[in-house]
Amino acid sequence: MSSTLPPITVYAEMTPNPASMRYVASRPLLDEGRMLEFRGPSEPEGISPLAQKIFDLPFVTGVFISGNFITVNKNDAVTWDLVQLELREYIQEFLNNDGRVVNADAPHQVVQAAHERAASHHPPSNEQDERIVAILDEYVRPAVEGDGGHIGFRSFKDGIVTVTLRGSCSGCPSSMITLKGGIENLLKQMVPGVREVIAEEL
């Protein structure tokens, strides 16, 4: 890592999901628009040394990396009070010493699979789909990313919009309230024919 760059600093932010903490770095970790999700310790092997390092901790159940933040999901064995600061220092130390978020020689298709798990919208198949994607991107995604999560469009069929929730949103009780109260109402108002919004089970 170039010595001309200042050390990376990391701070922790609570998310609406009590099982998730968002760790924000002072520099981007991935290229714009790129994101990676790992749901177990075997998934980042050979792809992301950063995620592998975080999974070395026994309480970690998920790692989501996007932009300049890492969302870490934990099990019920510990409380954030006990591990939040240590985990922040652990991540910060790794970024300043090893620094590899993604292996340079990681197979493209494997990295792409981790990105697809985390990301994006399914390709819209008609104008209504395009409208839904545009509304999610403009009105919903910035707030969701601010909480350490991600929302992706999956399908619109028979009046039902299906989305995926990632990062801190995955399995979060309050995200389901947001989904039903906020996102569903927004899409009902702005897209004719929308009756309901549901989250795809992962």
C-alpha atoms as a PDB file:
ATOM      1  CA  MET A   1       0.000   0.000   0.000  1.00  0.00           C
ATOM      2  CA  SER A   2       1.401   3.444  -0.905  1.00  0.00           C
ATOM      3  CA  SER A   3       2.938   5.285   2.013  1.00  0.00           C
ATOM      4  CA  THR A   4       1.709   8.612   0.617  1.00  0.00           C
ATOM      5  CA  LEU A   5      -1.881   7.762   1.530  1.00  0.00           C
ATOM      6  CA  PRO A   6      -2.984   8.567   5.081  1.00  0.00           C
ATOM      7  CA  PRO A   7      -3.979   5.599   7.248  1.00  0.00           C
ATOM      8  CA  ILE A   8      -7.533   4.387   6.829  1.00  0.00           C
ATOM      9  CA  THR A   9      -9.787   5.167   9.764  1.00  0.00           C
ATOM     10  CA  VAL A  10     -12.938   3.201  10.538  1.00  0.00           C
ATOM     11  CA  TYR A  11     -15.930   4.106  12.667  1.00  0.00           C
ATOM     12  CA  ALA A  12     -18.920   2.032  13.719  1.00  0.00           C
ATOM     13  CA  GLU A  13     -22.580   2.926  13.220  1.00  0.00           C
ATOM     14  CA  MET A  14     -25.640   1.216  14.603  1.00  0.00           C
ATOM     15  CA  THR A  15     -28.171   0.006  12.034  1.00  0.00           C
ATOM     16  CA  PRO A  16     -31.920  -0.590  12.467  1.00  0.00           C
ATOM     17  CA  ASN A  17     -31.090  -4.289  12.673  1.00  0.00           C
ATOM     18  CA  PRO A  18     -29.922  -5.236  16.191  1.00  0.00           C
ATOM     19  CA  ALA A  19     -27.862  -8.084  14.688  1.00  0.00           C
ATOM     20  CA  SER A  20     -25.922  -5.787  12.314  1.00  0.00           C
ATOM     21  CA  MET A  21     -23.269  -3.112  12.713  1.00  0.00           C
ATOM     22  CA  ARG A  22     -22.042  -0.868   9.912  1.00  0.00           C
ATOM     23  CA  TYR A  23     -18.308  -0.089   9.790  1.00  0.00           C
ATOM     24  CA  VAL A  24     -17.481   2.948   7.664  1.00  0.00           C
ATOM     25  CA  ALA A  25     -13.960   3.428   6.244  1.00  0.00           C
ATOM     26  CA  SER A  26     -12.377   6.752   5.328  1.00  0.00           C
ATOM     27  CA  ARG A  27     -11.688   5.502   1.792  1.00  0.00           C
ATOM     28  CA  PRO A  28     -13.708   3.478  -0.730  1.00  0.00           C
ATOM     29  CA  LEU A  29     -13.258  -0.267  -0.355  1.00  0.00           C
ATOM     30  CA  LEU A  30     -14.836  -1.299  -3.666  1.00  0.00           C
ATOM     31  CA  ASP A  31     -15.398   0.412  -6.993  1.00  0.00           C
ATOM     32  CA  GLU A  32     -18.593   2.419  -7.340  1.00  0.00           C
ATOM     33  CA  GLY A  33     -21.593   0.154  -7.836  1.00  0.00           C
ATOM     34  CA  ARG A  34     -19.719  -2.984  -6.814  1.00  0.00           C
ATOM     35  CA  MET A  35     -20.854  -4.902  -3.732  1.00  0.00           C
ATOM     36  CA  LEU A  36     -20.113  -8.282  -2.223  1.00  0.00           C
ATOM     37  CA  GLU A  37     -22.087 -10.440   0.166  1.00  0.00           C
ATOM     38  CA  PHE A  38     -20.816 -13.483   2.048  1.00  0.00           C
ATOM     39  CA  ARG A  39     -23.167 -15.554   4.191  1.00  0.00           C
ATOM     40  CA  GLY A  40     -20.677 -18.011   5.688  1.00  0.00           C
ATOM     41  CA  PRO A  41     -16.950 -18.460   6.282  1.00  0.00           C
ATOM     42  CA  SER A  42     -16.391 -20.623   3.181  1.00  0.00           C
ATOM     43  CA  GLU A  43     -17.846 -18.095   0.705  1.00  0.00           C
ATOM     44  CA  PRO A  44     -15.046 -15.477   0.799  1.00  0.00           C
ATOM     45  CA  GLU A  45     -12.232 -18.047   0.488  1.00  0.00           C
ATOM     46  CA  GLY A  46      -9.953 -17.039  -2.368  1.00  0.00           C
ATOM     47  CA  ILE A  47     -12.035 -13.921  -3.028  1.00  0.00           C
ATOM     48  CA  SER A  48     -11.940 -11.465  -0.152  1.00  0.00           C
ATOM     49  CA  PRO A  49      -9.158 -11.562   2.469  1.00  0.00           C
ATOM     50  CA  LEU A  50     -11.005  -8.821   4.383  1.00  0.00           C
ATOM     51  CA  ALA A  51     -14.215 -10.852   4.644  1.00  0.00           C
ATOM     52  CA  GLN A  52     -12.231 -13.997   5.477  1.00  0.00           C
ATOM     53  CA  LYS A  53     -10.498 -12.160   8.316  1.00  0.00           C
ATOM     54  CA  ILE A  54     -13.833 -10.963   9.732  1.00  0.00           C
ATOM     55  CA  PHE A  55     -15.261 -14.505   9.544  1.00  0.00           C
ATOM     56  CA  ASP A  56     -12.341 -15.670  11.701  1.00  0.00           C
ATOM     57  CA  LEU A  57     -14.352 -14.240  14.585  1.00  0.00           C
ATOM     58  CA  PRO A  58     -16.730 -16.917  15.888  1.00  0.00           C
ATOM     59  CA  PHE A  59     -19.773 -14.652  16.311  1.00  0.00           C
ATOM     60  CA  VAL A  60     -19.868 -13.384  12.696  1.00  0.00           C
ATOM     61  CA  THR A  61     -22.688 -14.738  10.506  1.00  0.00           C
ATOM     62  CA  GLY A  62     -22.538 -12.422   7.487  1.00  0.00           C
ATOM     63  CA  VAL A  63     -20.370  -9.794   5.785  1.00  0.00           C
ATOM     64  CA  PHE A  64     -21.657  -7.266   3.236  1.00  0.00           C
ATOM     65  CA  ILE A  65     -19.192  -4.840   1.570  1.00  0.00           C
ATOM     66  CA  SER A  66     -20.230  -1.871  -0.568  1.00  0.00           C
ATOM     67  CA  GLY A  67     -18.703   1.539  -1.296  1.00  0.00           C
ATOM     68  CA  ASN A  68     -16.815   2.588   1.826  1.00  0.00           C
ATOM     69  CA  PHE A  69     -18.642   0.418   4.354  1.00  0.00           C
ATOM     70  CA  ILE A  70     -18.767  -3.112   5.707  1.00  0.00           C
ATOM     71  CA  THR A  71     -21.921  -4.427   7.369  1.00  0.00           C
ATOM     72  CA  VAL A  72     -21.230  -7.248   9.795  1.00  0.00           C
ATOM     73  CA  ASN A  73     -24.021  -9.524  11.031  1.00  0.00           C
ATOM     74  CA  LYS A  74     -23.534 -11.419  14.300  1.00  0.00           C
ATOM     75  CA  ASN A  75     -25.197 -14.250  16.168  1.00  0.00           C
ATOM     76  CA  ASP A  76     -26.737 -14.028  19.644  1.00  0.00           C
ATOM     77  CA  ALA A  77     -23.648 -15.320  21.471  1.00  0.00           C
ATOM     78  CA  VAL A  78     -22.324 -11.794  22.101  1.00  0.00           C
ATOM     79  CA  THR A  79     -23.693  -8.259  22.372  1.00  0.00           C
ATOM     80  CA  TRP A  80     -22.335  -5.357  20.338  1.00  0.00           C
ATOM     81  CA  ASP A  81     -21.297  -3.677  23.597  1.00  0.00           C
ATOM     82  CA  LEU A  82     -18.710  -6.412  24.041  1.00  0.00           C
ATOM     83  CA  VAL A  83     -17.296  -6.597  20.520  1.00  0.00           C
ATOM     84  CA  GLN A  84     -18.047  -3.367  18.641  1.00  0.00           C
ATOM     85  CA  LEU A  85     -14.804  -1.511  19.457  1.00  0.00           C
ATOM     86  CA  GLU A  86     -12.580  -4.564  19.089  1.00  0.00           C
ATOM     87  CA  LEU A  87     -14.137  -5.347  15.718  1.00  0.00           C
ATOM     88  CA  ARG A  88     -13.632  -1.755  14.554  1.00  0.00           C
ATOM     89  CA  GLU A  89      -9.938  -1.915  15.488  1.00  0.00           C
ATOM     90  CA  TYR A  90      -9.647  -5.390  13.947  1.00  0.00           C
ATOM     91  CA  ILE A  91     -11.032  -4.134  10.599  1.00  0.00           C
ATOM     92  CA  GLN A  92      -8.986  -0.914  10.709  1.00  0.00           C
ATOM     93  CA  GLU A  93      -5.758  -2.788  11.451  1.00  0.00           C
ATOM     94  CA  PHE A  94      -6.374  -5.209   8.594  1.00  0.00           C
ATOM     95  CA  LEU A  95      -7.085  -2.412   6.099  1.00  0.00           C
ATOM     96  CA  ASN A  96      -3.910  -0.573   7.076  1.00  0.00           C
ATOM     97  CA  ASN A  97      -1.638  -3.642   7.078  1.00  0.00           C
ATOM     98  CA  ASP A  98      -2.870  -6.204   4.555  1.00  0.00           C
ATOM     99  CA  GLY A  99      -5.451  -3.986   2.899  1.00  0.00           C
ATOM    100  CA  ARG A 100      -6.796  -6.512   0.389  1.00  0.00           C
ATOM    101  CA  VAL A 101     -10.560  -6.255   0.104  1.00  0.00           C
ATOM    102  CA  VAL A 102     -10.624  -8.461  -3.016  1.00  0.00           C
ATOM    103  CA  ASN A 103      -7.819 -10.702  -4.255  1.00  0.00           C
ATOM    104  CA  ALA A 104      -6.334  -9.407  -7.497  1.00  0.00           C
ATOM    105  CA  ASP A 105      -6.258 -12.965  -8.861  1.00  0.00           C
ATOM    106  CA  ALA A 106      -9.731 -13.990  -7.697  1.00  0.00           C
ATOM    107  CA  PRO A 107     -11.584 -15.690 -10.578  1.00  0.00           C
ATOM    108  CA  HIS A 108     -13.882 -13.173 -12.235  1.00  0.00           C
ATOM    109  CA  GLN A 109     -16.912 -15.459 -12.175  1.00  0.00           C
ATOM    110  CA  VAL A 110     -16.504 -16.116  -8.441  1.00  0.00           C
ATOM    111  CA  VAL A 111     -16.280 -12.396  -7.641  1.00  0.00           C
ATOM    112  CA  GLN A 112     -19.234 -11.815  -9.945  1.00  0.00           C
ATOM    113  CA  ALA A 113     -21.267 -14.446  -8.089  1.00  0.00           C
ATOM    114  CA  ALA A 114     -20.579 -12.692  -4.769  1.00  0.00           C
ATOM    115  CA  HIS A 115     -21.585  -9.406  -6.391  1.00  0.00           C
ATOM    116  CA  GLU A 116     -24.768 -10.899  -7.843  1.00  0.00           C
ATOM    117  CA  ARG A 117     -25.709 -12.314  -4.436  1.00  0.00           C
ATOM    118  CA  ALA A 118     -25.458  -8.854  -2.982  1.00  0.00           C
ATOM    119  CA  ALA A 119     -26.609  -6.717  -5.776  1.00  0.00           C
ATOM    120  CA  SER A 120     -28.457  -5.492  -8.116  1.00  0.00           C
ATOM    121  CA  HIS A 121     -31.829  -5.521  -9.678  1.00  0.00           C
ATOM    122  CA  HIS A 122     -32.985  -8.277 -11.966  1.00  0.00           C
ATOM    123  CA  PRO A 123     -33.147  -6.818 -15.478  1.00  0.00           C
ATOM    124  CA  PRO A 124     -36.489  -5.025 -15.987  1.00  0.00           C
ATOM    125  CA  SER A 125     -38.601  -6.725 -18.649  1.00  0.00           C
ATOM    126  CA  ASN A 126     -41.062  -3.898 -19.336  1.00  0.00           C
ATOM    127  CA  GLU A 127     -41.802  -0.227 -18.651  1.00  0.00           C
ATOM    128  CA  GLN A 128     -43.488  -0.932 -15.313  1.00  0.00           C
ATOM    129  CA  ASP A 129     -40.433  -2.834 -14.092  1.00  0.00           C
ATOM    130  CA  GLU A 130     -38.205   0.047 -15.228  1.00  0.00           C
ATOM    131  CA  ARG A 131     -40.387   2.518 -13.338  1.00  0.00           C
ATOM    132  CA  ILE A 132     -40.195   0.426 -10.132  1.00  0.00           C
ATOM    133  CA  VAL A 133     -36.390   0.134 -10.419  1.00  0.00           C
ATOM    134  CA  ALA A 134     -36.078   3.892 -10.969  1.00  0.00           C
ATOM    135  CA  ILE A 135     -38.217   4.644  -7.876  1.00  0.00           C
ATOM    136  CA  LEU A 136     -36.239   2.183  -5.729  1.00  0.00           C
ATOM    137  CA  ASP A 137     -32.951   3.736  -6.897  1.00  0.00           C
ATOM    138  CA  GLU A 138     -34.069   7.323  -6.375  1.00  0.00           C
ATOM    139  CA  TYR A 139     -36.172   7.183  -3.208  1.00  0.00           C
ATOM    140  CA  VAL A 140     -35.341   3.974  -1.355  1.00  0.00           C
ATOM    141  CA  ARG A 141     -31.764   2.877  -1.986  1.00  0.00           C
ATOM    142  CA  PRO A 142     -29.960   5.934  -0.501  1.00  0.00           C
ATOM    143  CA  ALA A 143     -31.743   5.509   2.836  1.00  0.00           C
ATOM    144  CA  VAL A 144     -31.241   1.746   2.875  1.00  0.00           C
ATOM    145  CA  GLU A 145     -27.512   2.122   2.084  1.00  0.00           C
ATOM    146  CA  GLY A 146     -27.259   4.728   4.823  1.00  0.00           C
ATOM    147  CA  ASP A 147     -28.360   1.972   7.213  1.00  0.00           C
ATOM    148  CA  GLY A 148     -25.769  -0.474   5.892  1.00  0.00           C
ATOM    149  CA  GLY A 149     -28.098  -2.441   3.634  1.00  0.00           C
ATOM    150  CA  HIS A 150     -29.187  -2.834   0.047  1.00  0.00           C
ATOM    151  CA  ILE A 151     -32.479  -3.398  -1.748  1.00  0.00           C
ATOM    152  CA  GLY A 152     -32.775  -5.082  -5.130  1.00  0.00           C
ATOM    153  CA  PHE A 153     -35.723  -5.518  -7.514  1.00  0.00           C
ATOM    154  CA  ARG A 154     -36.596  -9.108  -8.346  1.00  0.00           C
ATOM    155  CA  SER A 155     -39.970  -9.183 -10.087  1.00  0.00           C
ATOM    156  CA  PHE A 156     -43.388  -7.581 -10.552  1.00  0.00           C
ATOM    157  CA  LYS A 157     -46.192 -10.041 -11.182  1.00  0.00           C
ATOM    158  CA  ASP A 158     -49.914 -10.048 -10.466  1.00  0.00           C
ATOM    159  CA  GLY A 159     -49.650  -6.779  -8.530  1.00  0.00           C
ATOM    160  CA  ILE A 160     -46.866  -8.061  -6.253  1.00  0.00           C
ATOM    161  CA  VAL A 161     -43.403  -6.501  -6.268  1.00  0.00           C
ATOM    162  CA  THR A 162     -40.710  -8.858  -4.969  1.00  0.00           C
ATOM    163  CA  VAL A 163     -37.453  -7.389  -3.667  1.00  0.00           C
ATOM    164  CA  THR A 164     -34.318  -8.734  -1.978  1.00  0.00           C
ATOM    165  CA  LEU A 165     -32.916  -7.221   1.201  1.00  0.00           C
ATOM    166  CA  ARG A 166     -29.184  -7.462   1.910  1.00  0.00           C
ATOM    167  CA  GLY A 167     -26.655  -6.393   4.496  1.00  0.00           C
ATOM    168  CA  SER A 168     -28.237  -4.989   7.638  1.00  0.00           C
ATOM    169  CA  CYS A 169     -31.709  -5.274   6.071  1.00  0.00           C
ATOM    170  CA  SER A 170     -31.528  -9.036   5.842  1.00  0.00           C
ATOM    171  CA  GLY A 171     -33.530 -10.534   8.691  1.00  0.00           C
ATOM    172  CA  CYS A 172     -34.116  -7.150  10.304  1.00  0.00           C
ATOM    173  CA  PRO A 173     -37.483  -6.743  12.074  1.00  0.00           C
ATOM    174  CA  SER A 174     -37.707  -3.003  11.357  1.00  0.00           C
ATOM    175  CA  SER A 175     -36.878  -3.484   7.664  1.00  0.00           C
ATOM    176  CA  MET A 176     -40.107  -5.432   7.263  1.00  0.00           C
ATOM    177  CA  ILE A 177     -42.015  -2.507   8.769  1.00  0.00           C
ATOM    178  CA  THR A 178     -40.226  -0.149   6.361  1.00  0.00           C
ATOM    179  CA  LEU A 179     -40.978  -2.513   3.499  1.00  0.00           C
ATOM    180  CA  LYS A 180     -44.693  -2.637   4.242  1.00  0.00           C
ATOM    181  CA  GLY A 181     -45.192   0.894   5.554  1.00  0.00           C
ATOM    182  CA  GLY A 182     -42.820   2.959   3.451  1.00  0.00           C
ATOM    183  CA  ILE A 183     -41.826   1.189   0.256  1.00  0.00           C
ATOM    184  CA  GLU A 184     -45.169  -0.490  -0.396  1.00  0.00           C
ATOM    185  CA  ASN A 185     -47.085   2.775   0.053  1.00  0.00           C
ATOM    186  CA  LEU A 186     -44.620   4.648  -2.162  1.00  0.00           C
ATOM    187  CA  LEU A 187     -44.881   2.149  -5.012  1.00  0.00           C
ATOM    188  CA  LYS A 188     -48.675   1.922  -4.704  1.00  0.00           C
ATOM    189  CA  GLN A 189     -48.877   5.689  -5.163  1.00  0.00           C
ATOM    190  CA  MET A 190     -46.397   5.916  -8.031  1.00  0.00           C
ATOM    191  CA  VAL A 191     -46.931   2.725 -10.056  1.00  0.00           C
ATOM    192  CA  PRO A 192     -50.437   1.714 -11.174  1.00  0.00           C
ATOM    193  CA  GLY A 193     -51.280  -1.890 -10.365  1.00  0.00           C
ATOM    194  CA  VAL A 194     -48.950  -2.402  -7.400  1.00  0.00           C
ATOM    195  CA  ARG A 195     -50.875  -4.117  -4.598  1.00  0.00           C
ATOM    196  CA  GLU A 196     -48.151  -5.455  -2.346  1.00  0.00           C
ATOM    197  CA  VAL A 197     -44.367  -5.531  -1.801  1.00  0.00           C
ATOM    198  CA  ILE A 198     -42.748  -8.672  -0.412  1.00  0.00           C
ATOM    199  CA  ALA A 199     -39.155  -9.679   0.349  1.00  0.00           C
ATOM    200  CA  GLU A 200     -37.712 -12.731  -1.373  1.00  0.00           C
ATOM    201  CA  GLU A 201     -36.659 -15.421   1.061  1.00  0.00           C
ATOM    202  CA  LEU A 202     -32.941 -16.100   0.766  1.00  0.00           C
END
